[in-house]
Amino acid sequence: MRGAGAALLWTVAGLAVLAASVAVAITIGPADIGVADVWSVVAAHLGGEAVEVSPIRDGIVWDLRLPRTLLAAVCGAGLAVCGAVMQSLLRNPLADPFVLGVSSGASTGAVAVVVLGVGGGVLSVTGGAFVGAVCSFALVLLLSHTLGGATDRVVLSGVAAMQLFSALTSFVVMTAADAETTRGVLFWLLGSLGGAGWGDVGVCGAVLAAALLICGGHARTLDAFAFGEDAAAALGVAVARTRLVLLCVTALLTAALVSAAGAIGFVGLVLPHAARALAGPGHARLLPVTAVTGAVFLVWADTLARTVLDPQEVPVGVVTSLIGVPAFVLVLYRTRSTR
């Protein structure tokens, strides 16, 4: 059951599950909040009929848990879609959104702001991370263009940029950070949604919507890339231009997500494979299913991260890695068994 009807069914069902997941996830935590309280707070803030809810519960739902949960959904959807596009564009099932070195550049930018004080207080951690991510991707584009621009050169350039910015991050932390700052930086580097605000949700949501429209418009082109660049060119695809556009879109989306939430691993690597099992390889069907699957997954991963060791919080990147590694091994095993 992999046709367009099945993909639409999975997408609609996934959206329903996502809405229910967001509502239920917000109720989980030390404060006694029910689903009815969540809907009442949301309705009141959106101009609906006001229902009596205490100011504390209103603040917990509207200012803390709701933006965090929505940002988790946006990041999960965005990272999963980026992974699906990268795997098809590079014809590499092991590709993920971080293969272009974006996360390493973001880490260096964030560390430069936190530890070295770059920006003089004007540039926030999110802003520094975004600038670092863009600089890393610019370096990848420069290196790959210098080396000929082929797909394998893009991957190798991404590896080089990743190693360079990872080394810079480690050097800055080891030489200039105290113990408390190092702990805070490490928590961010492992991925955290604890500082989520409505501004982050708005920016990341807008970038995700634009990226989905662009990638969805190139769905047939991505199908052609699955057969190789020569086959895509034979079908009339402007290979170099299309690849550059899609690389820029995925890199900028990844940069926005990483700057808001840190490097959350394995979402973009594993979730596209799970979505392909549901929707098939056609990208017109695959991309929406991938987005919904990634959103639901990260909502529950973040809920687990903030509650499993309550009152202590676990970086969500640790949770996604602990879940993602065995899931990825299962994907590899199933791929091997079907050959």
Protein backbone atom coordinates (compact mmCIF):
# COMPACT_ATOMS: atom_id res chain seq x y z
CA MET A 1 0.00 0.00 0.00
CA ARG A 2 2.33 2.73 -1.29
CA GLY A 3 0.27 4.74 -3.77
CA ALA A 4 -0.75 8.37 -3.59
CA GLY A 5 -3.87 7.44 -1.63
CA ALA A 6 -1.82 5.56 0.94
CA ALA A 7 0.61 8.47 1.29
CA LEU A 8 -2.28 10.90 1.77
CA LEU A 9 -3.78 8.57 4.35
CA TRP A 10 -0.48 8.33 6.22
CA THR A 11 -0.06 12.12 6.11
CA VAL A 12 -3.57 12.87 7.40
CA ALA A 13 -3.26 10.19 10.09
CA GLY A 14 0.17 11.55 10.99
CA LEU A 15 -1.17 15.10 11.35
CA ALA A 16 -3.91 13.82 13.66
CA VAL A 17 -1.35 11.91 15.71
CA LEU A 18 0.88 15.00 15.77
CA ALA A 19 -1.91 17.24 17.08
CA ALA A 20 -2.79 14.69 19.76
CA SER A 21 0.89 14.23 20.62
CA VAL A 22 1.42 17.98 21.09
CA ALA A 23 -1.67 18.25 23.30
CA VAL A 24 -0.72 15.25 25.46
CA ALA A 25 3.00 16.07 25.65
CA ILE A 26 2.24 19.49 27.10
CA THR A 27 0.37 17.84 30.00
CA ILE A 28 3.33 15.65 30.97
CA GLY A 29 5.50 17.10 33.71
CA PRO A 30 5.53 17.94 37.41
CA ALA A 31 2.63 20.42 37.15
CA ASP A 32 -0.87 18.92 37.18
CA ILE A 33 -2.21 20.05 33.79
CA GLY A 34 -4.84 18.26 31.72
CA VAL A 35 -5.60 18.31 28.00
CA ALA A 36 -8.68 20.43 28.71
CA ASP A 37 -6.45 23.04 30.37
CA VAL A 38 -4.20 23.08 27.31
CA TRP A 39 -7.07 23.68 24.91
CA SER A 40 -8.54 26.35 27.21
CA VAL A 41 -5.24 28.27 27.38
CA VAL A 42 -4.67 28.04 23.62
CA ALA A 43 -8.26 29.12 22.86
CA ALA A 44 -7.99 32.07 25.23
CA HIS A 45 -4.74 33.31 23.67
CA LEU A 46 -6.13 32.89 20.15
CA GLY A 47 -9.16 35.01 20.92
CA GLY A 48 -11.61 32.23 21.66
CA GLU A 49 -13.91 31.85 24.62
CA ALA A 50 -11.96 32.45 27.82
CA VAL A 51 -12.12 29.68 30.43
CA GLU A 52 -10.95 30.13 34.00
CA VAL A 53 -7.33 28.90 34.21
CA SER A 54 -4.87 29.94 36.90
CA PRO A 55 -2.07 32.33 35.82
CA ILE A 56 0.55 29.74 36.76
CA ARG A 57 -0.99 27.08 34.52
CA ASP A 58 -1.44 29.63 31.77
CA GLY A 59 2.25 30.53 31.96
CA ILE A 60 3.38 26.90 32.04
CA VAL A 61 1.33 26.03 28.98
CA TRP A 62 1.68 29.16 26.84
CA ASP A 63 5.16 30.40 27.76
CA LEU A 64 7.04 27.18 28.51
CA ARG A 65 5.65 23.91 27.22
CA LEU A 66 3.72 24.91 24.10
CA PRO A 67 6.54 26.78 22.31
CA ARG A 68 8.99 24.04 23.29
CA THR A 69 6.74 21.27 21.98
CA LEU A 70 5.97 23.14 18.76
CA LEU A 71 9.67 23.84 18.19
CA ALA A 72 10.34 20.12 18.69
CA ALA A 73 7.76 19.34 16.01
CA VAL A 74 9.25 21.91 13.62
CA CYS A 75 12.82 20.70 14.20
CA GLY A 76 11.82 17.05 13.81
CA ALA A 77 9.99 17.75 10.56
CA GLY A 78 12.77 19.95 9.17
CA LEU A 79 15.65 17.63 10.02
CA ALA A 80 13.80 14.60 8.64
CA VAL A 81 12.98 16.39 5.36
CA CYS A 82 16.57 17.61 5.01
CA GLY A 83 17.77 14.05 5.50
CA ALA A 84 15.41 12.71 2.85
CA VAL A 85 16.51 15.35 0.34
CA MET A 86 20.22 14.86 1.08
CA GLN A 87 20.00 11.08 0.77
CA SER A 88 18.41 11.38 -2.66
CA LEU A 89 20.50 14.30 -3.87
CA LEU A 90 23.79 12.64 -2.89
CA ARG A 91 22.57 9.09 -3.61
CA ASN A 92 23.83 8.08 -0.19
CA PRO A 93 21.55 6.35 2.35
CA LEU A 94 23.92 7.43 5.13
CA ALA A 95 23.62 11.15 4.35
CA ASP A 96 21.98 13.41 6.92
CA PRO A 97 21.43 17.16 7.33
CA PHE A 98 24.83 17.56 9.03
CA VAL A 99 26.90 16.09 6.18
CA LEU A 100 27.63 19.63 4.93
CA GLY A 101 29.32 20.63 8.19
CA VAL A 102 26.48 22.98 9.16
CA SER A 103 26.15 21.69 12.73
CA SER A 104 29.90 22.00 13.36
CA GLY A 105 29.91 25.57 12.09
CA ALA A 106 26.90 26.38 14.26
CA SER A 107 28.68 24.93 17.28
CA THR A 108 31.73 27.10 16.63
CA GLY A 109 29.55 30.20 16.26
CA ALA A 110 27.66 29.50 19.47
CA VAL A 111 30.85 28.80 21.41
CA ALA A 112 32.45 31.98 20.06
CA VAL A 113 29.53 34.01 21.45
CA VAL A 114 29.29 32.23 24.81
CA VAL A 115 32.97 31.75 25.59
CA LEU A 116 34.79 34.49 23.68
CA GLY A 117 32.07 37.12 23.82
CA VAL A 118 32.06 37.63 20.06
CA GLY A 119 29.38 40.13 19.08
CA GLY A 120 29.81 42.29 22.16
CA GLY A 121 26.43 41.28 23.60
CA VAL A 122 24.59 42.24 20.42
CA LEU A 123 24.80 38.78 18.85
CA SER A 124 22.87 36.07 20.71
CA VAL A 125 23.81 32.41 20.91
CA THR A 126 21.21 31.66 18.24
CA GLY A 127 22.56 34.40 16.01
CA GLY A 128 26.14 33.28 16.48
CA ALA A 129 25.20 29.69 15.70
CA PHE A 130 23.41 30.73 12.52
CA VAL A 131 26.38 32.83 11.35
CA GLY A 132 28.75 29.95 12.06
CA ALA A 133 26.53 27.51 10.17
CA VAL A 134 26.36 29.80 7.13
CA CYS A 135 30.15 30.29 7.18
CA SER A 136 30.68 26.53 7.28
CA PHE A 137 28.33 25.96 4.34
CA ALA A 138 30.00 28.77 2.39
CA LEU A 139 33.34 27.01 2.92
CA VAL A 140 31.83 23.75 1.66
CA LEU A 141 30.53 25.45 -1.47
CA LEU A 142 33.92 27.08 -2.08
CA LEU A 143 35.85 23.85 -1.63
CA SER A 144 33.47 21.75 -3.72
CA HIS A 145 33.50 24.34 -6.53
CA THR A 146 37.30 24.48 -6.46
CA LEU A 147 37.49 20.68 -6.56
CA GLY A 148 35.12 20.36 -9.51
CA GLY A 149 31.63 20.39 -7.96
CA ALA A 150 30.87 16.67 -8.30
CA THR A 151 28.65 15.02 -5.69
CA ASP A 152 31.49 13.13 -4.01
CA ARG A 153 33.46 16.38 -3.80
CA VAL A 154 30.55 18.01 -1.97
CA VAL A 155 30.55 15.21 0.61
CA LEU A 156 34.32 15.35 1.05
CA SER A 157 34.18 19.13 1.40
CA GLY A 158 31.51 18.73 4.06
CA VAL A 159 33.69 16.27 5.97
CA ALA A 160 36.63 18.69 5.80
CA ALA A 161 34.52 21.60 7.06
CA MET A 162 33.05 19.43 9.80
CA GLN A 163 36.48 18.45 11.09
CA LEU A 164 37.80 22.00 10.88
CA PHE A 165 34.96 23.62 12.83
CA SER A 166 34.82 20.76 15.34
CA ALA A 167 38.51 21.30 16.04
CA LEU A 168 37.95 25.05 16.43
CA THR A 169 35.09 24.44 18.85
CA SER A 170 37.15 22.04 20.96
CA PHE A 171 40.12 24.43 20.98
CA VAL A 172 38.02 27.39 22.17
CA VAL A 173 36.28 25.37 24.89
CA MET A 174 39.51 23.84 26.19
CA THR A 175 41.51 27.06 26.26
CA ALA A 176 39.01 29.73 27.23
CA ALA A 177 36.01 28.23 29.04
CA ASP A 178 35.59 27.60 32.76
CA ALA A 179 33.89 24.50 34.15
CA GLU A 180 30.42 26.03 34.39
CA THR A 181 30.54 27.52 30.90
CA THR A 182 31.86 24.24 29.51
CA ARG A 183 28.90 22.38 31.02
CA GLY A 184 26.41 24.82 29.52
CA VAL A 185 28.07 24.70 26.11
CA LEU A 186 28.17 20.90 26.16
CA PHE A 187 24.45 20.78 26.95
CA TRP A 188 23.71 23.01 23.94
CA LEU A 189 26.04 21.04 21.67
CA LEU A 190 24.15 17.83 22.48
CA GLY A 191 20.85 19.43 21.46
CA SER A 192 18.40 21.13 23.80
CA LEU A 193 14.96 22.69 23.40
CA GLY A 194 14.93 24.11 26.91
CA GLY A 195 15.30 27.72 25.78
CA ALA A 196 12.57 27.58 23.15
CA GLY A 197 10.47 30.71 22.69
CA TRP A 198 7.77 31.89 20.33
CA GLY A 199 10.35 33.78 18.28
CA ASP A 200 12.24 30.54 17.59
CA VAL A 201 9.00 28.78 16.64
CA GLY A 202 8.03 31.57 14.24
CA VAL A 203 11.41 31.82 12.50
CA CYS A 204 12.00 28.08 12.21
CA GLY A 205 8.40 27.44 11.18
CA ALA A 206 8.60 30.04 8.40
CA VAL A 207 11.90 28.65 7.11
CA LEU A 208 10.48 25.10 7.23
CA ALA A 209 7.37 26.13 5.27
CA ALA A 210 9.49 27.80 2.57
CA ALA A 211 11.83 24.81 2.38
CA LEU A 212 8.92 22.37 2.07
CA LEU A 213 7.46 24.38 -0.79
CA ILE A 214 10.78 24.49 -2.65
CA CYS A 215 11.66 20.84 -2.05
CA GLY A 216 8.12 19.76 -2.89
CA GLY A 217 8.36 21.68 -6.14
CA HIS A 218 11.50 19.69 -6.98
CA ALA A 219 9.95 16.32 -6.09
CA ARG A 220 10.18 14.91 -9.61
CA THR A 221 13.71 16.21 -9.94
CA LEU A 222 14.68 14.38 -6.76
CA ASP A 223 13.13 11.22 -8.20
CA ALA A 224 15.40 11.66 -11.24
CA PHE A 225 18.46 12.18 -9.05
CA ALA A 226 17.83 8.77 -7.50
CA PHE A 227 18.97 7.23 -10.80
CA GLY A 228 22.16 9.27 -10.92
CA GLU A 229 23.21 12.65 -12.27
CA ASP A 230 23.69 11.36 -15.83
CA ALA A 231 20.17 9.95 -15.90
CA ALA A 232 18.80 13.18 -14.44
CA ALA A 233 20.60 15.23 -17.10
CA ALA A 234 19.24 12.94 -19.81
CA LEU A 235 15.73 13.68 -18.49
CA GLY A 236 16.31 17.40 -18.93
CA VAL A 237 17.29 18.31 -15.36
CA ALA A 238 19.76 21.18 -14.93
CA VAL A 239 21.88 19.10 -12.56
CA ALA A 240 24.36 21.68 -11.27
CA ARG A 241 21.80 24.45 -10.73
CA THR A 242 19.22 22.17 -9.15
CA ARG A 243 21.76 20.60 -6.84
CA LEU A 244 22.99 24.02 -5.73
CA VAL A 245 19.44 25.23 -5.03
CA LEU A 246 18.53 22.16 -2.98
CA LEU A 247 21.85 22.15 -1.10
CA CYS A 248 21.34 25.82 -0.20
CA VAL A 249 17.75 25.21 0.92
CA THR A 250 18.60 22.22 3.12
CA ALA A 251 21.69 23.94 4.53
CA LEU A 252 19.80 27.12 5.46
CA LEU A 253 16.96 25.13 7.01
CA THR A 254 19.44 23.02 8.98
CA ALA A 255 21.27 26.18 10.06
CA ALA A 256 18.05 27.74 11.36
CA LEU A 257 17.06 24.59 13.25
CA VAL A 258 20.51 23.96 14.74
CA SER A 259 20.88 27.58 15.81
CA ALA A 260 17.61 27.29 17.76
CA ALA A 261 17.97 23.79 19.21
CA GLY A 262 21.57 22.60 18.84
CA ALA A 263 22.72 19.52 16.98
CA ILE A 264 20.01 16.83 17.32
CA GLY A 265 21.40 13.74 15.68
CA PHE A 266 19.87 10.72 13.95
CA VAL A 267 16.51 12.36 13.15
CA GLY A 268 17.57 13.19 9.60
CA LEU A 269 19.35 9.88 9.18
CA VAL A 270 16.79 7.34 10.39
CA LEU A 271 13.35 8.93 9.91
CA PRO A 272 13.55 9.17 6.07
CA HIS A 273 14.10 5.41 5.91
CA ALA A 274 11.05 4.82 8.12
CA ALA A 275 8.99 7.15 5.94
CA ARG A 276 10.08 5.35 2.76
CA ALA A 277 8.77 2.12 4.24
CA LEU A 278 5.36 3.81 4.60
CA ALA A 279 5.13 6.01 1.51
CA GLY A 280 7.56 4.53 -1.00
CA PRO A 281 10.40 6.32 -2.81
CA GLY A 282 8.42 8.95 -4.75
CA HIS A 283 9.25 12.33 -3.23
CA ALA A 284 5.83 13.89 -3.82
CA ARG A 285 4.53 11.31 -1.34
CA LEU A 286 7.70 10.85 0.70
CA LEU A 287 8.38 14.44 1.81
CA PRO A 288 5.07 15.13 3.64
CA VAL A 289 5.12 11.71 5.31
CA THR A 290 8.74 12.26 6.35
CA ALA A 291 7.91 15.68 7.82
CA VAL A 292 5.02 14.38 9.91
CA THR A 293 6.96 11.32 11.06
CA GLY A 294 9.92 13.43 12.14
CA ALA A 295 7.67 15.89 13.97
CA VAL A 296 5.88 13.21 15.99
CA PHE A 297 9.15 11.45 16.80
CA LEU A 298 10.92 14.53 18.16
CA VAL A 299 7.91 15.69 20.18
CA TRP A 300 8.00 12.44 22.14
CA ALA A 301 11.80 12.30 22.27
CA ASP A 302 11.85 15.76 23.85
CA THR A 303 9.06 14.83 26.26
CA LEU A 304 11.14 11.85 27.36
CA ALA A 305 14.27 14.02 27.61
CA ARG A 306 12.68 16.51 30.00
CA THR A 307 10.87 13.99 32.21
CA VAL A 308 12.84 10.74 32.41
CA LEU A 309 15.27 12.05 35.07
CA ASP A 310 13.05 14.81 36.45
CA PRO A 311 13.98 17.35 37.82
CA GLN A 312 17.21 16.96 35.83
CA GLU A 313 16.88 17.35 32.06
CA VAL A 314 18.64 15.16 29.49
CA PRO A 315 19.77 16.77 26.21
CA VAL A 316 17.30 15.68 23.56
CA GLY A 317 20.19 14.79 21.23
CA VAL A 318 21.21 12.08 23.69
CA VAL A 319 17.70 10.58 23.60
CA THR A 320 17.50 10.65 19.80
CA SER A 321 20.89 8.96 19.55
CA LEU A 322 19.97 6.24 22.05
CA ILE A 323 16.79 5.53 20.07
CA GLY A 324 18.33 6.17 16.64
CA VAL A 325 21.30 3.81 16.84
CA PRO A 326 19.30 0.56 17.29
CA ALA A 327 16.71 1.84 14.80
CA PHE A 328 19.43 2.51 12.26
CA VAL A 329 20.93 -0.94 12.81
CA LEU A 330 17.47 -2.38 12.12
CA VAL A 331 17.24 -0.33 8.91
CA LEU A 332 20.63 -1.62 7.79
CA TYR A 333 19.63 -5.20 8.58
CA ARG A 334 16.35 -4.90 6.64
CA THR A 335 18.16 -3.32 3.70
CA ARG A 336 20.66 -6.15 3.70
CA SER A 337 17.96 -8.81 3.93
CA THR A 338 16.04 -7.40 0.95
CA ARG A 339 19.02 -7.48 -1.41
